[in-house]
Every structure is written in C-alpha cells, then in structure tokens.
Amino acid sequence: MPPKKVPFYRRVLVLAPLALMAFVILISGSLFRIMGDLIVVNDTPSRSDAVVVLNSGLEYYPRLIQAADLFRRGLAEHVVINGNRKTDSLRELERMGFKRCCPWDSDSVSILTMLGVPEVNIIRISNEDAYDTVSEAEMVGRELIGRNWTTVIITTSKFHSRRAKYIWQKAYEEQLTIAAVSAKTDPYDPDNWWRDARQIRWVLAEYGAWIFYWWKEITGI
C-alpha cells in the first residue's frame, strides 16, 4: 500500500517555521553587528587643547590609558579628569562625620602620571552633581570654555562614544571642536557583543539611553 500523501498545507505548516528559523539565524549575526557598530565612533584627532576623560558610564580605566596615549603622542596639551560624584546619601553621611580615605582624584592622577602624563598637565574638575553624560558635559564643558580652549578630544568607552560625541557637539557646536576617540583597551566587541552577557547589558542600556535622550528632546521634560 503506497504511503499516504501529506497535504501541501501541512507541509507548509511544518517547513515554514523551520525556514523562518534558518533565515533568522542567517541574518541575526549581521543585524547584531550593525547594532554593535552603530553606537561606536572613533575619530582621527588632530592636536587639541585637551583630552577629556569622561567619567559617566562604565570601564573607566581604559579611558585613562587612552588619554595618556593621546597625550604622549602630542595630540593634547592637557588631560582633564572629573569626578567626586555625590548622592544625597553620601552628603548625609558626610554631615554625620564620614570622611573619605583619600582625595577623589588620587587614583586617576596616579595612573596618568605612571603612564607618562606630568601632574602639571592634569586638570581636575570636581563635578559633584553630574549624574549622566548630559550633566557631565554641561559642567566640564563650561570649565573648558572658561579656559578659552576651543579644541577638545573626548575619550570614553566604545559603546558610549557616539552618544557622548553627539551630546557634546550639540551642547557646544559653536564653541568647541569635538573629536571622540574610543578607548582601545575597552573590552567591548561590536562584532560579538551578543555572545557576552555583560556586553549585552551595555548595548541594551546604551540604546535605552538614546531613546530616553530623544524622548526628553521631544517632550522637553
């Protein structure tokens, strides 16, 4: 007895999901790479007044390494660091008598000098109220303009670089020429980020930050 012929629509119901899965697997790598690359910018900088080490976000130490490298190559006359963030809880603890063991800038200065940046060329900016890239740019940028500087390199994590440059350029488009240089030793890999849980969090958070930034721009909140 010949085998019973399977109706065409049943074959479609079985094969269509398999074909869709194969298609998704085929293109997902390319789509993820595009997502990973979109948030990265890495300019070729010219000689500038200063390289600014951004303190918002993650992976801070590779930024210090990159800043020192730019300084040693003669691309920046100064290295600018900022920090000393304070929350309401920390301020309350300080009122109760808490004192930090060492100045907020001590580790950064120690690393930069170890990497060849003379301490006299390090500019420290206490930025207690900064809580994101926008507030950091507002405070630090005003200090730079107050020094009559006009050309600045910002160095930050790869996945944070495009948004950081956009924010700085938008804030100071007529006052500062901005170049963005991603930290080379930053572990973010735009070609394989979706294979690492930590990097998945970085990318999702970065796209979320873009959406929130544009939402604030549209709504004016």
N, C-alpha and C. Protein backbone atom coordinates (compact mmCIF):
# COMPACT_ATOMS: atom_id res chain seq x y z
N MET A 1 0.85 -1.19 0.00
CA MET A 1 0.00 0.00 0.00
C MET A 1 0.89 1.25 0.00
N PRO A 2 0.68 2.11 -0.99
CA PRO A 2 1.53 3.30 -1.10
C PRO A 2 1.31 4.21 0.11
N PRO A 3 2.41 4.93 0.50
CA PRO A 3 2.28 5.83 1.66
C PRO A 3 1.30 6.95 1.38
N LYS A 4 0.62 7.34 2.43
CA LYS A 4 -0.38 8.40 2.29
C LYS A 4 0.30 9.74 2.03
N LYS A 5 -0.17 10.42 1.01
CA LYS A 5 0.42 11.69 0.63
C LYS A 5 0.04 12.78 1.65
N VAL A 6 1.05 13.51 2.11
CA VAL A 6 0.81 14.59 3.07
C VAL A 6 0.28 15.81 2.32
N PRO A 7 -0.82 16.36 2.75
CA PRO A 7 -1.36 17.55 2.08
C PRO A 7 -0.35 18.69 2.05
N PHE A 8 -0.44 19.49 1.01
CA PHE A 8 0.52 20.58 0.80
C PHE A 8 0.51 21.56 1.97
N TYR A 9 -0.69 21.91 2.47
CA TYR A 9 -0.74 22.91 3.53
C TYR A 9 -0.07 22.41 4.80
N ARG A 10 -0.11 21.10 5.05
CA ARG A 10 0.56 20.57 6.23
C ARG A 10 2.08 20.65 6.06
N ARG A 11 2.55 20.39 4.84
CA ARG A 11 3.99 20.53 4.60
C ARG A 11 4.43 21.96 4.82
N VAL A 12 3.60 22.91 4.41
CA VAL A 12 3.92 24.32 4.61
C VAL A 12 3.97 24.66 6.09
N LEU A 13 2.99 24.13 6.84
CA LEU A 13 2.94 24.41 8.28
C LEU A 13 4.19 23.88 8.99
N VAL A 14 4.74 22.79 8.51
CA VAL A 14 5.93 22.21 9.13
C VAL A 14 7.19 22.92 8.66
N LEU A 15 7.29 23.17 7.36
CA LEU A 15 8.53 23.70 6.80
C LEU A 15 8.69 25.21 7.00
N ALA A 16 7.58 25.95 7.04
CA ALA A 16 7.68 27.40 7.14
C ALA A 16 8.39 27.85 8.42
N PRO A 17 8.02 27.31 9.60
CA PRO A 17 8.76 27.71 10.81
C PRO A 17 10.25 27.36 10.75
N LEU A 18 10.56 26.19 10.15
CA LEU A 18 11.96 25.81 10.02
C LEU A 18 12.72 26.76 9.12
N ALA A 19 12.06 27.14 8.01
CA ALA A 19 12.69 28.09 7.09
C ALA A 19 12.89 29.44 7.75
N LEU A 20 11.87 29.85 8.54
CA LEU A 20 11.98 31.13 9.24
C LEU A 20 13.12 31.11 10.25
N MET A 21 13.25 30.01 10.99
CA MET A 21 14.33 29.89 11.96
C MET A 21 15.69 29.96 11.26
N ALA A 22 15.81 29.27 10.12
CA ALA A 22 17.07 29.29 9.38
C ALA A 22 17.40 30.70 8.90
N PHE A 23 16.37 31.43 8.45
CA PHE A 23 16.56 32.80 7.96
C PHE A 23 17.01 33.72 9.10
N VAL A 24 16.36 33.58 10.24
CA VAL A 24 16.72 34.42 11.39
C VAL A 24 18.16 34.14 11.82
N ILE A 25 18.53 32.86 11.88
CA ILE A 25 19.89 32.51 12.27
C ILE A 25 20.90 33.07 11.27
N LEU A 26 20.54 33.05 9.98
CA LEU A 26 21.43 33.52 8.94
C LEU A 26 21.69 35.01 9.04
N ILE A 27 20.62 35.79 9.29
CA ILE A 27 20.78 37.25 9.26
C ILE A 27 21.05 37.86 10.63
N SER A 28 20.81 37.10 11.70
CA SER A 28 20.92 37.70 13.03
C SER A 28 22.32 38.21 13.32
N GLY A 29 23.33 37.44 12.89
CA GLY A 29 24.70 37.89 13.12
C GLY A 29 24.97 39.22 12.48
N SER A 30 24.51 39.40 11.24
CA SER A 30 24.73 40.67 10.53
C SER A 30 23.98 41.81 11.21
N LEU A 31 22.75 41.55 11.62
CA LEU A 31 21.97 42.58 12.28
C LEU A 31 22.60 42.99 13.62
N PHE A 32 23.06 42.03 14.36
CA PHE A 32 23.69 42.32 15.65
C PHE A 32 24.98 43.11 15.46
N ARG A 33 25.73 42.77 14.39
CA ARG A 33 26.96 43.53 14.13
C ARG A 33 26.65 44.98 13.78
N ILE A 34 25.60 45.18 12.99
CA ILE A 34 25.20 46.55 12.65
C ILE A 34 24.81 47.31 13.92
N MET A 35 24.02 46.65 14.79
CA MET A 35 23.65 47.28 16.06
C MET A 35 24.88 47.63 16.89
N GLY A 36 25.85 46.72 16.90
CA GLY A 36 27.06 46.95 17.68
C GLY A 36 27.91 48.08 17.13
N ASP A 37 27.97 48.19 15.81
CA ASP A 37 28.80 49.22 15.17
C ASP A 37 28.16 50.60 15.25
N LEU A 38 26.84 50.66 15.22
CA LEU A 38 26.15 51.95 15.17
C LEU A 38 26.46 52.85 16.35
N ILE A 39 26.73 52.28 17.49
CA ILE A 39 26.92 53.10 18.69
C ILE A 39 28.37 53.48 18.92
N VAL A 40 29.25 53.09 17.99
CA VAL A 40 30.68 53.36 18.14
C VAL A 40 31.13 54.42 17.15
N VAL A 41 31.94 55.35 17.60
CA VAL A 41 32.62 56.30 16.72
C VAL A 41 34.05 56.43 17.20
N ASN A 42 34.97 56.54 16.26
CA ASN A 42 36.39 56.65 16.62
C ASN A 42 37.05 57.59 15.61
N ASP A 43 37.13 58.87 15.98
CA ASP A 43 37.69 59.87 15.09
C ASP A 43 39.22 59.79 15.04
N THR A 44 39.78 60.36 13.97
CA THR A 44 41.22 60.57 13.90
C THR A 44 41.48 62.00 14.37
N PRO A 45 42.00 62.17 15.58
CA PRO A 45 42.07 63.51 16.15
C PRO A 45 43.27 64.30 15.64
N SER A 46 43.14 65.60 15.67
CA SER A 46 44.27 66.49 15.44
C SER A 46 44.69 67.07 16.79
N ARG A 47 45.79 67.80 16.82
CA ARG A 47 46.29 68.36 18.07
C ARG A 47 45.22 69.25 18.70
N SER A 48 44.98 69.05 20.00
CA SER A 48 43.90 69.74 20.69
C SER A 48 44.39 70.33 22.00
N ASP A 49 43.56 71.21 22.54
CA ASP A 49 43.90 71.81 23.84
C ASP A 49 43.92 70.77 24.95
N ALA A 50 43.01 69.81 24.88
CA ALA A 50 42.92 68.85 25.97
C ALA A 50 42.22 67.58 25.52
N VAL A 51 42.51 66.49 26.22
CA VAL A 51 41.73 65.27 26.10
C VAL A 51 40.96 65.12 27.41
N VAL A 52 39.65 64.95 27.29
CA VAL A 52 38.77 64.86 28.45
C VAL A 52 38.40 63.40 28.68
N VAL A 53 38.68 62.91 29.85
CA VAL A 53 38.33 61.53 30.21
C VAL A 53 36.92 61.56 30.80
N LEU A 54 35.97 61.04 30.07
CA LEU A 54 34.59 61.04 30.56
C LEU A 54 34.46 60.05 31.72
N ASN A 55 33.70 60.45 32.71
CA ASN A 55 33.57 59.65 33.92
C ASN A 55 32.21 58.97 34.04
N SER A 56 31.26 59.35 33.19
CA SER A 56 29.95 58.69 33.25
C SER A 56 30.03 57.36 32.50
N GLY A 57 29.29 56.39 32.97
CA GLY A 57 29.29 55.09 32.33
C GLY A 57 30.25 54.11 32.99
N LEU A 58 30.68 53.11 32.22
CA LEU A 58 31.48 52.01 32.75
C LEU A 58 32.86 51.97 32.11
N GLU A 59 33.68 51.05 32.60
CA GLU A 59 35.01 50.81 32.05
C GLU A 59 35.84 52.09 32.00
N TYR A 60 36.10 52.66 33.18
CA TYR A 60 36.79 53.94 33.29
C TYR A 60 38.29 53.83 33.02
N TYR A 61 38.94 52.79 33.50
CA TYR A 61 40.40 52.71 33.41
C TYR A 61 40.92 52.67 31.97
N PRO A 62 40.27 51.97 31.04
CA PRO A 62 40.73 52.05 29.65
C PRO A 62 40.71 53.48 29.10
N ARG A 63 39.82 54.32 29.61
CA ARG A 63 39.76 55.71 29.16
C ARG A 63 41.00 56.47 29.62
N LEU A 64 41.44 56.23 30.84
CA LEU A 64 42.67 56.86 31.32
C LEU A 64 43.87 56.42 30.48
N ILE A 65 43.92 55.14 30.17
CA ILE A 65 45.01 54.62 29.34
C ILE A 65 45.01 55.30 27.98
N GLN A 66 43.84 55.46 27.40
CA GLN A 66 43.73 56.10 26.08
C GLN A 66 44.13 57.57 26.15
N ALA A 67 43.71 58.26 27.19
CA ALA A 67 44.04 59.67 27.35
C ALA A 67 45.55 59.86 27.46
N ALA A 68 46.20 59.00 28.24
CA ALA A 68 47.65 59.08 28.37
C ALA A 68 48.34 58.83 27.04
N ASP A 69 47.82 57.89 26.27
CA ASP A 69 48.39 57.60 24.96
C ASP A 69 48.28 58.81 24.04
N LEU A 70 47.13 59.46 24.03
CA LEU A 70 46.94 60.66 23.20
C LEU A 70 47.88 61.77 23.62
N PHE A 71 48.07 61.92 24.93
CA PHE A 71 48.99 62.94 25.42
C PHE A 71 50.42 62.65 24.98
N ARG A 72 50.87 61.43 25.15
CA ARG A 72 52.24 61.07 24.79
C ARG A 72 52.50 61.25 23.30
N ARG A 73 51.46 61.08 22.50
CA ARG A 73 51.60 61.25 21.05
C ARG A 73 51.55 62.71 20.64
N GLY A 74 51.41 63.60 21.59
CA GLY A 74 51.41 65.02 21.30
C GLY A 74 50.11 65.54 20.75
N LEU A 75 49.01 64.82 20.97
CA LEU A 75 47.72 65.24 20.44
C LEU A 75 46.91 66.07 21.41
N ALA A 76 47.36 66.21 22.64
CA ALA A 76 46.66 67.02 23.64
C ALA A 76 47.68 67.65 24.58
N GLU A 77 47.44 68.91 24.92
CA GLU A 77 48.35 69.60 25.84
C GLU A 77 48.02 69.30 27.30
N HIS A 78 46.78 68.93 27.57
CA HIS A 78 46.35 68.64 28.93
C HIS A 78 45.45 67.41 28.93
N VAL A 79 45.38 66.77 30.09
CA VAL A 79 44.41 65.70 30.32
C VAL A 79 43.45 66.18 31.41
N VAL A 80 42.16 66.14 31.11
CA VAL A 80 41.14 66.62 32.04
C VAL A 80 40.40 65.43 32.64
N ILE A 81 40.37 65.36 33.95
CA ILE A 81 39.58 64.35 34.63
C ILE A 81 38.52 65.04 35.47
N ASN A 82 37.42 64.36 35.68
CA ASN A 82 36.38 64.92 36.54
C ASN A 82 35.76 63.79 37.36
N GLY A 83 35.19 64.17 38.50
CA GLY A 83 34.61 63.16 39.37
C GLY A 83 34.08 63.77 40.64
N ASN A 84 34.26 63.05 41.75
CA ASN A 84 33.76 63.49 43.05
C ASN A 84 32.24 63.53 43.10
N ARG A 85 31.58 62.55 42.41
CA ARG A 85 30.14 62.47 42.41
C ARG A 85 29.61 62.30 43.83
N LYS A 86 28.50 62.97 44.12
CA LYS A 86 27.91 62.86 45.46
C LYS A 86 26.40 62.69 45.36
N THR A 87 25.90 61.65 45.97
CA THR A 87 24.47 61.45 46.08
C THR A 87 23.97 62.06 47.39
N ASP A 88 22.67 62.14 47.53
CA ASP A 88 22.10 62.65 48.79
C ASP A 88 22.53 61.80 49.98
N SER A 89 22.62 60.50 49.76
CA SER A 89 23.03 59.60 50.85
C SER A 89 24.46 59.88 51.28
N LEU A 90 25.34 60.11 50.31
CA LEU A 90 26.73 60.40 50.64
C LEU A 90 26.84 61.73 51.37
N ARG A 91 26.10 62.72 50.93
CA ARG A 91 26.14 64.02 51.61
C ARG A 91 25.66 63.90 53.06
N GLU A 92 24.65 63.07 53.26
CA GLU A 92 24.14 62.87 54.62
C GLU A 92 25.21 62.18 55.48
N LEU A 93 25.89 61.21 54.91
CA LEU A 93 26.96 60.54 55.65
C LEU A 93 28.09 61.52 55.98
N GLU A 94 28.39 62.43 55.06
CA GLU A 94 29.42 63.43 55.32
C GLU A 94 29.01 64.38 56.44
N ARG A 95 27.73 64.70 56.48
CA ARG A 95 27.24 65.54 57.58
C ARG A 95 27.35 64.83 58.92
N MET A 96 27.29 63.49 58.89
CA MET A 96 27.41 62.70 60.11
C MET A 96 28.87 62.49 60.52
N GLY A 97 29.79 62.94 59.66
CA GLY A 97 31.20 62.84 60.01
C GLY A 97 32.04 61.94 59.13
N PHE A 98 31.43 61.30 58.13
CA PHE A 98 32.20 60.43 57.24
C PHE A 98 33.21 61.24 56.44
N LYS A 99 34.42 60.70 56.34
CA LYS A 99 35.46 61.31 55.51
C LYS A 99 36.11 60.23 54.66
N ARG A 100 36.31 60.54 53.39
CA ARG A 100 36.95 59.58 52.51
C ARG A 100 38.42 59.39 52.90
N CYS A 101 38.93 58.24 52.55
CA CYS A 101 40.31 57.93 52.92
C CYS A 101 41.32 58.73 52.12
N CYS A 102 40.92 59.17 50.92
CA CYS A 102 41.87 59.87 50.06
C CYS A 102 41.10 60.75 49.08
N PRO A 103 41.75 61.73 48.47
CA PRO A 103 41.06 62.61 47.52
C PRO A 103 40.46 61.83 46.36
N TRP A 104 39.37 62.36 45.81
CA TRP A 104 38.64 61.65 44.76
C TRP A 104 39.48 61.42 43.50
N ASP A 105 40.46 62.29 43.26
CA ASP A 105 41.23 62.22 42.02
C ASP A 105 42.53 61.44 42.16
N SER A 106 42.83 60.91 43.33
CA SER A 106 44.16 60.35 43.59
C SER A 106 44.48 59.16 42.69
N ASP A 107 43.55 58.23 42.52
CA ASP A 107 43.83 57.06 41.67
C ASP A 107 44.05 57.46 40.22
N SER A 108 43.21 58.34 39.70
CA SER A 108 43.33 58.76 38.30
C SER A 108 44.66 59.47 38.07
N VAL A 109 45.03 60.37 38.98
CA VAL A 109 46.29 61.09 38.84
C VAL A 109 47.46 60.12 38.91
N SER A 110 47.40 59.16 39.82
CA SER A 110 48.46 58.17 39.96
C SER A 110 48.64 57.37 38.68
N ILE A 111 47.53 56.95 38.08
CA ILE A 111 47.60 56.16 36.84
C ILE A 111 48.15 57.01 35.69
N LEU A 112 47.66 58.22 35.55
CA LEU A 112 48.11 59.08 34.45
C LEU A 112 49.59 59.40 34.56
N THR A 113 50.05 59.74 35.76
CA THR A 113 51.48 60.05 35.92
C THR A 113 52.33 58.82 35.67
N MET A 114 51.85 57.66 36.10
CA MET A 114 52.57 56.42 35.83
C MET A 114 52.70 56.17 34.33
N LEU A 115 51.69 56.61 33.56
CA LEU A 115 51.67 56.41 32.11
C LEU A 115 52.30 57.56 31.35
N GLY A 116 52.94 58.48 32.04
CA GLY A 116 53.72 59.49 31.34
C GLY A 116 53.13 60.86 31.24
N VAL A 117 52.05 61.14 31.95
CA VAL A 117 51.45 62.47 31.93
C VAL A 117 51.94 63.25 33.15
N PRO A 118 52.69 64.32 32.98
CA PRO A 118 53.13 65.10 34.15
C PRO A 118 51.93 65.65 34.91
N GLU A 119 52.04 65.65 36.23
CA GLU A 119 50.91 66.10 37.04
C GLU A 119 50.50 67.53 36.72
N VAL A 120 51.46 68.36 36.32
CA VAL A 120 51.15 69.75 36.00
C VAL A 120 50.23 69.85 34.79
N ASN A 121 50.19 68.81 33.97
CA ASN A 121 49.34 68.81 32.77
C ASN A 121 47.98 68.15 33.01
N ILE A 122 47.70 67.75 34.25
CA ILE A 122 46.42 67.12 34.57
C ILE A 122 45.50 68.17 35.20
N ILE A 123 44.34 68.34 34.61
CA ILE A 123 43.35 69.28 35.12
C ILE A 123 42.25 68.50 35.82
N ARG A 124 41.99 68.84 37.08
CA ARG A 124 40.98 68.14 37.87
C ARG A 124 39.74 69.02 38.00
N ILE A 125 38.57 68.45 37.74
CA ILE A 125 37.32 69.19 37.88
C ILE A 125 36.40 68.41 38.81
N SER A 126 36.13 68.96 39.98
CA SER A 126 35.18 68.35 40.90
C SER A 126 33.77 68.58 40.35
N ASN A 127 33.05 67.49 40.14
CA ASN A 127 31.78 67.55 39.43
C ASN A 127 30.74 66.80 40.25
N GLU A 128 30.40 67.34 41.42
CA GLU A 128 29.61 66.61 42.40
C GLU A 128 28.20 66.25 41.92
N ASP A 129 27.59 67.09 41.12
CA ASP A 129 26.19 66.91 40.78
C ASP A 129 25.95 66.22 39.44
N ALA A 130 27.01 65.83 38.74
CA ALA A 130 26.82 65.13 37.47
C ALA A 130 26.27 63.73 37.73
N TYR A 131 25.29 63.34 36.94
CA TYR A 131 24.72 62.00 37.11
C TYR A 131 24.58 61.26 35.79
N ASP A 132 24.85 61.92 34.66
CA ASP A 132 24.82 61.25 33.36
C ASP A 132 25.70 62.02 32.39
N THR A 133 25.71 61.60 31.13
CA THR A 133 26.58 62.21 30.13
C THR A 133 26.22 63.66 29.87
N VAL A 134 24.94 63.99 29.89
CA VAL A 134 24.50 65.36 29.63
C VAL A 134 24.97 66.30 30.74
N SER A 135 24.72 65.94 31.99
CA SER A 135 25.12 66.81 33.10
C SER A 135 26.64 66.90 33.21
N GLU A 136 27.34 65.83 32.88
CA GLU A 136 28.80 65.88 32.88
C GLU A 136 29.30 66.85 31.81
N ALA A 137 28.72 66.78 30.62
CA ALA A 137 29.13 67.68 29.54
C ALA A 137 28.86 69.14 29.90
N GLU A 138 27.73 69.40 30.54
CA GLU A 138 27.39 70.78 30.91
C GLU A 138 28.42 71.37 31.85
N MET A 139 28.80 70.64 32.87
CA MET A 139 29.72 71.15 33.88
C MET A 139 31.14 71.24 33.34
N VAL A 140 31.63 70.16 32.76
CA VAL A 140 33.01 70.12 32.29
C VAL A 140 33.20 71.07 31.12
N GLY A 141 32.24 71.10 30.21
CA GLY A 141 32.35 71.98 29.05
C GLY A 141 32.48 73.45 29.45
N ARG A 142 31.72 73.86 30.45
CA ARG A 142 31.82 75.26 30.91
C ARG A 142 33.22 75.57 31.42
N GLU A 143 33.81 74.62 32.13
CA GLU A 143 35.17 74.81 32.63
C GLU A 143 36.17 74.96 31.48
N LEU A 144 36.01 74.16 30.45
CA LEU A 144 36.93 74.23 29.31
C LEU A 144 36.82 75.56 28.58
N ILE A 145 35.60 75.99 28.36
CA ILE A 145 35.38 77.27 27.69
C ILE A 145 35.92 78.41 28.54
N GLY A 146 35.80 78.29 29.84
CA GLY A 146 36.34 79.30 30.74
C GLY A 146 37.84 79.42 30.65
N ARG A 147 38.51 78.38 30.17
CA ARG A 147 39.95 78.42 29.97
C ARG A 147 40.32 78.88 28.56
N ASN A 148 39.30 79.27 27.78
CA ASN A 148 39.48 79.73 26.40
C ASN A 148 40.01 78.63 25.49
N TRP A 149 39.67 77.39 25.81
CA TRP A 149 40.03 76.27 24.94
C TRP A 149 38.97 76.12 23.86
N THR A 150 39.39 75.69 22.69
CA THR A 150 38.46 75.58 21.56
C THR A 150 38.46 74.20 20.91
N THR A 151 39.48 73.40 21.16
CA THR A 151 39.57 72.07 20.55
C THR A 151 39.73 71.02 21.64
N VAL A 152 38.89 70.01 21.61
CA VAL A 152 38.85 69.02 22.68
C VAL A 152 38.68 67.62 22.09
N ILE A 153 39.39 66.68 22.67
CA ILE A 153 39.17 65.27 22.38
C ILE A 153 38.47 64.66 23.60
N ILE A 154 37.40 63.94 23.38
CA ILE A 154 36.79 63.20 24.48
C ILE A 154 37.09 61.72 24.28
N THR A 155 37.46 61.07 25.37
CA THR A 155 37.71 59.64 25.28
C THR A 155 36.78 58.92 26.25
N THR A 156 36.20 57.85 25.75
CA THR A 156 35.21 57.12 26.54
C THR A 156 35.16 55.68 26.05
N SER A 157 34.27 54.89 26.61
CA SER A 157 34.12 53.50 26.18
C SER A 157 33.58 53.44 24.76
N LYS A 158 33.92 52.40 24.04
CA LYS A 158 33.50 52.27 22.65
C LYS A 158 31.98 52.39 22.51
N PHE A 159 31.25 51.64 23.33
CA PHE A 159 29.80 51.60 23.18
C PHE A 159 29.14 52.91 23.60
N HIS A 160 29.87 53.78 24.26
CA HIS A 160 29.34 55.06 24.73
C HIS A 160 29.77 56.22 23.84
N SER A 161 30.64 55.96 22.86
CA SER A 161 31.33 57.03 22.15
C SER A 161 30.42 57.86 21.25
N ARG A 162 29.55 57.22 20.48
CA ARG A 162 28.74 58.01 19.54
C ARG A 162 27.75 58.91 20.28
N ARG A 163 27.13 58.41 21.31
CA ARG A 163 26.18 59.24 22.06
C ARG A 163 26.90 60.38 22.77
N ALA A 164 28.06 60.08 23.35
CA ALA A 164 28.83 61.12 24.04
C ALA A 164 29.22 62.23 23.08
N LYS A 165 29.71 61.87 21.90
CA LYS A 165 30.10 62.90 20.93
C LYS A 165 28.90 63.72 20.49
N TYR A 166 27.77 63.06 20.26
CA TYR A 166 26.57 63.77 19.85
C TYR A 166 26.15 64.79 20.90
N ILE A 167 26.16 64.39 22.16
CA ILE A 167 25.75 65.28 23.25
C ILE A 167 26.70 66.47 23.36
N TRP A 168 28.00 66.21 23.31
CA TRP A 168 28.97 67.30 23.41
C TRP A 168 28.87 68.26 22.23
N GLN A 169 28.73 67.70 21.03
CA GLN A 169 28.63 68.57 19.85
C GLN A 169 27.36 69.41 19.90
N LYS A 170 26.27 68.83 20.30
CA LYS A 170 25.01 69.56 20.38
C LYS A 170 25.09 70.68 21.41
N ALA A 171 25.80 70.44 22.50
CA ALA A 171 25.89 71.43 23.57
C ALA A 171 26.85 72.57 23.22
N TYR A 172 27.90 72.27 22.43
CA TYR A 172 28.95 73.27 22.21
C TYR A 172 29.32 73.41 20.74
N GLU A 173 28.34 73.29 19.85
CA GLU A 173 28.62 73.26 18.42
C GLU A 173 29.29 74.54 17.92
N GLU A 174 29.07 75.66 18.57
CA GLU A 174 29.67 76.91 18.13
C GLU A 174 30.83 77.35 19.01
N GLN A 175 31.18 76.54 20.00
CA GLN A 175 32.23 76.93 20.94
C GLN A 175 33.41 75.97 21.01
N LEU A 176 33.15 74.69 20.77
CA LEU A 176 34.21 73.70 20.86
C LEU A 176 34.20 72.79 19.64
N THR A 177 35.38 72.49 19.14
CA THR A 177 35.53 71.46 18.12
C THR A 177 35.80 70.14 18.84
N ILE A 178 34.91 69.18 18.63
CA ILE A 178 34.95 67.94 19.41
C ILE A 178 35.38 66.76 18.53
N ALA A 179 36.33 66.00 19.00
CA ALA A 179 36.66 64.70 18.41
C ALA A 179 36.45 63.65 19.48
N ALA A 180 35.99 62.49 19.09
CA ALA A 180 35.76 61.39 20.04
C ALA A 180 36.69 60.23 19.68
N VAL A 181 37.43 59.76 20.68
CA VAL A 181 38.33 58.63 20.49
C VAL A 181 37.94 57.54 21.48
N SER A 182 37.58 56.39 20.97
CA SER A 182 37.20 55.27 21.82
C SER A 182 38.43 54.67 22.48
N ALA A 183 38.27 54.21 23.71
CA ALA A 183 39.37 53.58 24.42
C ALA A 183 39.70 52.24 23.78
N LYS A 184 40.92 52.11 23.29
CA LYS A 184 41.30 50.90 22.56
C LYS A 184 41.26 49.65 23.42
N THR A 185 41.60 49.78 24.69
CA THR A 185 41.64 48.60 25.55
C THR A 185 40.28 48.28 26.19
N ASP A 186 39.27 49.05 25.84
CA ASP A 186 37.92 48.76 26.31
C ASP A 186 37.50 47.39 25.78
N PRO A 187 36.91 46.52 26.59
CA PRO A 187 36.62 45.15 26.17
C PRO A 187 35.43 44.98 25.24
N TYR A 188 34.71 46.05 24.95
CA TYR A 188 33.52 45.92 24.11
C TYR A 188 33.91 45.47 22.70
N ASP A 189 33.22 44.46 22.18
CA ASP A 189 33.46 43.93 20.85
C ASP A 189 32.19 44.07 20.02
N PRO A 190 32.13 45.05 19.11
CA PRO A 190 30.89 45.27 18.35
C PRO A 190 30.52 44.12 17.43
N ASP A 191 31.46 43.24 17.12
CA ASP A 191 31.18 42.11 16.23
C ASP A 191 30.67 40.87 16.95
N ASN A 192 30.81 40.86 18.26
CA ASN A 192 30.41 39.65 19.00
C ASN A 192 29.75 39.97 20.34
N TRP A 193 29.24 41.17 20.50
CA TRP A 193 28.73 41.59 21.80
C TRP A 193 27.60 40.72 22.30
N TRP A 194 26.81 40.17 21.40
CA TRP A 194 25.63 39.41 21.81
C TRP A 194 25.98 38.03 22.39
N ARG A 195 27.26 37.69 22.37
CA ARG A 195 27.70 36.42 22.92
C ARG A 195 28.14 36.54 24.38
N ASP A 196 28.11 37.76 24.92
CA ASP A 196 28.61 38.01 26.27
C ASP A 196 27.54 38.75 27.06
N ALA A 197 27.16 38.21 28.22
CA ALA A 197 26.06 38.78 29.00
C ALA A 197 26.35 40.22 29.41
N ARG A 198 27.59 40.50 29.81
CA ARG A 198 27.93 41.85 30.25
C ARG A 198 27.78 42.85 29.10
N GLN A 199 28.24 42.47 27.93
CA GLN A 199 28.16 43.38 26.79
C GLN A 199 26.73 43.54 26.29
N ILE A 200 25.93 42.51 26.44
CA ILE A 200 24.51 42.63 26.10
C ILE A 200 23.87 43.72 26.95
N ARG A 201 24.19 43.74 28.24
CA ARG A 201 23.67 44.78 29.13
C ARG A 201 24.13 46.16 28.68
N TRP A 202 25.40 46.28 28.28
CA TRP A 202 25.92 47.57 27.82
C TRP A 202 25.15 48.08 26.61
N VAL A 203 24.97 47.20 25.63
CA VAL A 203 24.33 47.63 24.38
C VAL A 203 22.87 47.98 24.62
N LEU A 204 22.15 47.15 25.35
CA LEU A 204 20.74 47.44 25.62
C LEU A 204 20.60 48.74 26.41
N ALA A 205 21.48 48.95 27.38
CA ALA A 205 21.43 50.18 28.16
C ALA A 205 21.76 51.39 27.29
N GLU A 206 22.69 51.24 26.37
CA GLU A 206 23.07 52.36 25.51
C GLU A 206 21.93 52.74 24.56
N TYR A 207 21.28 51.76 23.97
CA TYR A 207 20.13 52.07 23.11
C TYR A 207 18.99 52.65 23.94
N GLY A 208 18.82 52.16 25.15
CA GLY A 208 17.82 52.75 26.04
C GLY A 208 18.13 54.19 26.36
N ALA A 209 19.42 54.50 26.55
CA ALA A 209 19.82 55.88 26.84
C ALA A 209 19.56 56.79 25.64
N TRP A 210 19.80 56.28 24.44
CA TRP A 210 19.48 57.07 23.24
C TRP A 210 17.98 57.38 23.19
N ILE A 211 17.16 56.36 23.43
CA ILE A 211 15.71 56.56 23.39
C ILE A 211 15.28 57.58 24.43
N PHE A 212 15.82 57.47 25.64
CA PHE A 212 15.46 58.41 26.70
C PHE A 212 15.91 59.83 26.35
N TYR A 213 17.10 59.96 25.77
CA TYR A 213 17.61 61.28 25.38
C TYR A 213 16.68 61.92 24.35
N TRP A 214 16.32 61.17 23.32
CA TRP A 214 15.43 61.71 22.29
C TRP A 214 14.04 62.00 22.86
N TRP A 215 13.58 61.16 23.79
CA TRP A 215 12.29 61.41 24.43
C TRP A 215 12.31 62.74 25.18
N LYS A 216 13.38 63.00 25.88
CA LYS A 216 13.50 64.26 26.60
C LYS A 216 13.54 65.44 25.62
N GLU A 217 14.21 65.26 24.50
CA GLU A 217 14.29 66.31 23.49
C GLU A 217 12.90 66.62 22.92
N ILE A 218 12.13 65.58 22.67
CA ILE A 218 10.82 65.75 22.05
C ILE A 218 9.82 66.35 23.04
N THR A 219 9.85 65.83 24.25
CA THR A 219 8.84 66.24 25.23
C THR A 219 9.25 67.47 26.03
N GLY A 220 10.54 67.76 26.07
CA GLY A 220 11.02 68.90 26.83
C GLY A 220 11.04 68.69 28.32
N ILE A 221 10.98 67.44 28.78
CA ILE A 221 10.99 67.16 30.23
C ILE A 221 12.39 67.26 30.80
